[in-house]
Amino acid sequence: MRIQTLGNALSLLFLISFSLCLLWGLFVPPELHMHRAWAPLLPGFEWGSVSGVLIGLVEAYLYGWYVALIFVPLYNFFSRSKAA
């Protein structure tokens, strides 16, 4: 498994999910907003401010790479040791 492939795929998945949650917040009542779920996971994210949303987008992208950088070496290690 390649880090670049999974890193890009996960980063885009997280960006799309975050963006859909932001769009959801524009069309539903405040008690159904998703920003309460994102705020603890994305330091600096603030619903309603442009800078807060940009920070959230960058952090969502970086989380994808974080997962890939941890997961791919572990996956490759265990898949090699099982094959031997």
N, C-alpha and C. Protein backbone atom coordinates (compact mmCIF):
# COMPACT_ATOMS: atom_id res chain seq x y z
N MET A 1 0.85 -1.18 0.00
CA MET A 1 0.00 0.00 0.00
C MET A 1 0.90 1.24 0.00
N ARG A 2 0.48 2.24 -0.74
CA ARG A 2 1.29 3.46 -0.86
C ARG A 2 0.72 4.58 0.00
N ILE A 3 1.62 5.28 0.69
CA ILE A 3 1.21 6.38 1.57
C ILE A 3 0.54 7.50 0.77
N GLN A 4 1.10 7.83 -0.41
CA GLN A 4 0.56 8.94 -1.20
C GLN A 4 -0.88 8.69 -1.61
N THR A 5 -1.17 7.47 -2.04
CA THR A 5 -2.51 7.14 -2.50
C THR A 5 -3.51 7.24 -1.35
N LEU A 6 -3.19 6.60 -0.24
CA LEU A 6 -4.11 6.62 0.90
C LEU A 6 -4.19 8.02 1.51
N GLY A 7 -3.07 8.73 1.58
CA GLY A 7 -3.07 10.09 2.13
C GLY A 7 -3.98 11.01 1.35
N ASN A 8 -3.88 10.98 0.04
CA ASN A 8 -4.76 11.82 -0.79
C ASN A 8 -6.22 11.39 -0.68
N ALA A 9 -6.47 10.09 -0.70
CA ALA A 9 -7.84 9.59 -0.63
C ALA A 9 -8.50 9.95 0.71
N LEU A 10 -7.80 9.73 1.80
CA LEU A 10 -8.36 10.06 3.11
C LEU A 10 -8.53 11.56 3.30
N SER A 11 -7.55 12.33 2.84
CA SER A 11 -7.65 13.78 2.98
C SER A 11 -8.87 14.32 2.22
N LEU A 12 -9.09 13.82 1.03
CA LEU A 12 -10.27 14.27 0.27
C LEU A 12 -11.56 13.77 0.92
N LEU A 13 -11.55 12.55 1.44
CA LEU A 13 -12.73 12.05 2.16
C LEU A 13 -13.07 12.96 3.34
N PHE A 14 -12.06 13.31 4.13
CA PHE A 14 -12.29 14.18 5.29
C PHE A 14 -12.72 15.58 4.86
N LEU A 15 -12.12 16.11 3.80
CA LEU A 15 -12.52 17.43 3.30
C LEU A 15 -13.97 17.43 2.81
N ILE A 16 -14.34 16.41 2.07
CA ILE A 16 -15.72 16.31 1.56
C ILE A 16 -16.70 16.16 2.72
N SER A 17 -16.37 15.31 3.68
CA SER A 17 -17.25 15.11 4.84
C SER A 17 -17.42 16.40 5.63
N PHE A 18 -16.31 17.08 5.87
CA PHE A 18 -16.36 18.35 6.61
C PHE A 18 -17.18 19.39 5.84
N SER A 19 -16.96 19.47 4.54
CA SER A 19 -17.70 20.44 3.72
C SER A 19 -19.20 20.13 3.70
N LEU A 20 -19.55 18.85 3.62
CA LEU A 20 -20.97 18.48 3.65
C LEU A 20 -21.60 18.84 5.00
N CYS A 21 -20.86 18.67 6.06
CA CYS A 21 -21.37 19.06 7.39
C CYS A 21 -21.56 20.57 7.48
N LEU A 22 -20.65 21.33 6.88
CA LEU A 22 -20.81 22.78 6.87
C LEU A 22 -22.05 23.18 6.07
N LEU A 23 -22.24 22.56 4.92
CA LEU A 23 -23.43 22.84 4.12
C LEU A 23 -24.70 22.45 4.86
N TRP A 24 -24.67 21.33 5.54
CA TRP A 24 -25.79 20.88 6.36
C TRP A 24 -26.17 21.98 7.36
N GLY A 25 -25.16 22.58 7.98
CA GLY A 25 -25.40 23.62 8.97
C GLY A 25 -26.06 24.87 8.41
N LEU A 26 -25.95 25.09 7.11
CA LEU A 26 -26.59 26.25 6.50
C LEU A 26 -28.08 26.06 6.29
N PHE A 27 -28.54 24.81 6.28
CA PHE A 27 -29.93 24.53 5.91
C PHE A 27 -30.79 23.93 7.02
N VAL A 28 -30.21 23.63 8.16
CA VAL A 28 -30.98 23.03 9.24
C VAL A 28 -30.98 23.95 10.46
N PRO A 29 -31.90 23.73 11.37
CA PRO A 29 -31.92 24.56 12.60
C PRO A 29 -30.64 24.37 13.41
N PRO A 30 -30.26 25.38 14.19
CA PRO A 30 -28.99 25.34 14.95
C PRO A 30 -28.84 24.11 15.85
N GLU A 31 -29.92 23.58 16.40
CA GLU A 31 -29.78 22.42 17.29
C GLU A 31 -29.37 21.14 16.54
N LEU A 32 -29.42 21.16 15.21
CA LEU A 32 -29.02 20.01 14.41
C LEU A 32 -27.66 20.21 13.72
N HIS A 33 -26.97 21.29 14.03
CA HIS A 33 -25.67 21.57 13.41
C HIS A 33 -24.64 20.52 13.82
N MET A 34 -23.69 20.30 12.93
CA MET A 34 -22.61 19.35 13.18
C MET A 34 -21.37 20.02 13.77
N HIS A 35 -21.37 21.34 13.89
CA HIS A 35 -20.15 22.01 14.35
C HIS A 35 -19.77 21.60 15.77
N ARG A 36 -20.75 21.18 16.57
CA ARG A 36 -20.42 20.74 17.93
C ARG A 36 -19.60 19.46 17.91
N ALA A 37 -19.76 18.64 16.89
CA ALA A 37 -18.97 17.41 16.76
C ALA A 37 -17.56 17.72 16.25
N TRP A 38 -17.44 18.70 15.38
CA TRP A 38 -16.13 19.01 14.78
C TRP A 38 -15.24 19.83 15.71
N ALA A 39 -15.83 20.72 16.50
CA ALA A 39 -15.03 21.65 17.30
C ALA A 39 -13.98 20.98 18.19
N PRO A 40 -14.30 19.89 18.91
CA PRO A 40 -13.25 19.27 19.73
C PRO A 40 -12.15 18.59 18.92
N LEU A 41 -12.46 18.20 17.69
CA LEU A 41 -11.49 17.49 16.86
C LEU A 41 -10.59 18.43 16.06
N LEU A 42 -11.06 19.65 15.83
CA LEU A 42 -10.34 20.59 14.99
C LEU A 42 -10.05 21.88 15.76
N PRO A 43 -8.92 21.94 16.45
CA PRO A 43 -8.59 23.14 17.22
C PRO A 43 -8.55 24.37 16.32
N GLY A 44 -9.21 25.40 16.73
CA GLY A 44 -9.25 26.63 15.96
C GLY A 44 -10.47 26.75 15.07
N PHE A 45 -11.18 25.62 14.87
CA PHE A 45 -12.40 25.67 14.06
C PHE A 45 -13.48 26.42 14.82
N GLU A 46 -14.10 27.36 14.11
CA GLU A 46 -15.18 28.16 14.70
C GLU A 46 -16.27 28.32 13.67
N TRP A 47 -17.47 27.86 14.01
CA TRP A 47 -18.60 27.95 13.10
C TRP A 47 -18.93 29.42 12.85
N GLY A 48 -19.08 29.76 11.59
CA GLY A 48 -19.53 31.09 11.24
C GLY A 48 -18.43 32.07 10.86
N SER A 49 -17.18 31.75 11.15
CA SER A 49 -16.11 32.67 10.75
C SER A 49 -15.33 32.06 9.58
N VAL A 50 -14.93 32.89 8.66
CA VAL A 50 -14.20 32.42 7.49
C VAL A 50 -12.87 31.80 7.91
N SER A 51 -12.15 32.46 8.81
CA SER A 51 -10.86 31.92 9.25
C SER A 51 -11.05 30.59 9.98
N GLY A 52 -12.10 30.47 10.78
CA GLY A 52 -12.36 29.23 11.49
C GLY A 52 -12.67 28.08 10.55
N VAL A 53 -13.43 28.36 9.50
CA VAL A 53 -13.76 27.34 8.51
C VAL A 53 -12.51 26.94 7.72
N LEU A 54 -11.69 27.91 7.35
CA LEU A 54 -10.44 27.60 6.63
C LEU A 54 -9.51 26.74 7.48
N ILE A 55 -9.42 27.07 8.75
CA ILE A 55 -8.62 26.25 9.67
C ILE A 55 -9.17 24.84 9.72
N GLY A 56 -10.48 24.70 9.80
CA GLY A 56 -11.10 23.38 9.81
C GLY A 56 -10.81 22.59 8.54
N LEU A 57 -10.86 23.25 7.39
CA LEU A 57 -10.56 22.58 6.12
C LEU A 57 -9.11 22.09 6.08
N VAL A 58 -8.18 22.94 6.51
CA VAL A 58 -6.77 22.55 6.51
C VAL A 58 -6.54 21.39 7.48
N GLU A 59 -7.13 21.47 8.66
CA GLU A 59 -6.93 20.42 9.65
C GLU A 59 -7.57 19.11 9.20
N ALA A 60 -8.73 19.16 8.56
CA ALA A 60 -9.36 17.94 8.04
C ALA A 60 -8.44 17.29 7.02
N TYR A 61 -7.85 18.09 6.14
CA TYR A 61 -6.92 17.57 5.14
C TYR A 61 -5.70 16.93 5.81
N LEU A 62 -5.14 17.62 6.80
CA LEU A 62 -3.96 17.10 7.48
C LEU A 62 -4.26 15.82 8.26
N TYR A 63 -5.45 15.70 8.81
CA TYR A 63 -5.81 14.46 9.51
C TYR A 63 -5.79 13.27 8.57
N GLY A 64 -6.17 13.46 7.32
CA GLY A 64 -6.09 12.38 6.35
C GLY A 64 -4.67 11.89 6.17
N TRP A 65 -3.74 12.82 6.08
CA TRP A 65 -2.33 12.45 5.94
C TRP A 65 -1.79 11.83 7.22
N TYR A 66 -2.23 12.32 8.35
CA TYR A 66 -1.80 11.74 9.63
C TYR A 66 -2.19 10.26 9.70
N VAL A 67 -3.43 9.96 9.36
CA VAL A 67 -3.89 8.56 9.39
C VAL A 67 -3.08 7.72 8.41
N ALA A 68 -2.85 8.24 7.21
CA ALA A 68 -2.09 7.49 6.21
C ALA A 68 -0.66 7.24 6.67
N LEU A 69 -0.02 8.24 7.27
CA LEU A 69 1.36 8.09 7.72
C LEU A 69 1.52 7.06 8.84
N ILE A 70 0.46 6.88 9.62
CA ILE A 70 0.49 5.88 10.69
C ILE A 70 0.04 4.52 10.17
N PHE A 71 -1.04 4.51 9.39
CA PHE A 71 -1.67 3.26 8.97
C PHE A 71 -0.85 2.48 7.95
N VAL A 72 -0.36 3.14 6.92
CA VAL A 72 0.31 2.43 5.81
C VAL A 72 1.55 1.66 6.28
N PRO A 73 2.47 2.26 7.04
CA PRO A 73 3.61 1.45 7.50
C PRO A 73 3.18 0.27 8.37
N LEU A 74 2.18 0.48 9.21
CA LEU A 74 1.69 -0.64 10.03
C LEU A 74 1.08 -1.73 9.16
N TYR A 75 0.27 -1.34 8.21
CA TYR A 75 -0.35 -2.30 7.30
C TYR A 75 0.71 -3.06 6.52
N ASN A 76 1.68 -2.35 5.96
CA ASN A 76 2.74 -3.00 5.19
C ASN A 76 3.58 -3.94 6.05
N PHE A 77 3.86 -3.54 7.28
CA PHE A 77 4.62 -4.38 8.19
C PHE A 77 3.88 -5.69 8.46
N PHE A 78 2.62 -5.58 8.81
CA PHE A 78 1.86 -6.77 9.16
C PHE A 78 1.54 -7.63 7.95
N SER A 79 1.39 -7.04 6.79
CA SER A 79 1.12 -7.85 5.61
C SER A 79 2.38 -8.60 5.17
N ARG A 80 3.56 -8.03 5.38
CA ARG A 80 4.82 -8.73 5.07
C ARG A 80 5.08 -9.85 6.06
N SER A 81 4.87 -9.59 7.34
CA SER A 81 5.16 -10.61 8.34
C SER A 81 4.21 -11.78 8.22
N LYS A 82 3.02 -11.56 7.77
CA LYS A 82 2.06 -12.64 7.59
C LYS A 82 2.41 -13.49 6.37
N ALA A 83 2.99 -12.86 5.34
CA ALA A 83 3.35 -13.57 4.12
C ALA A 83 4.60 -14.44 4.31
N ALA A 84 5.43 -14.08 5.26
CA ALA A 84 6.70 -14.81 5.44
C ALA A 84 6.55 -16.14 6.10
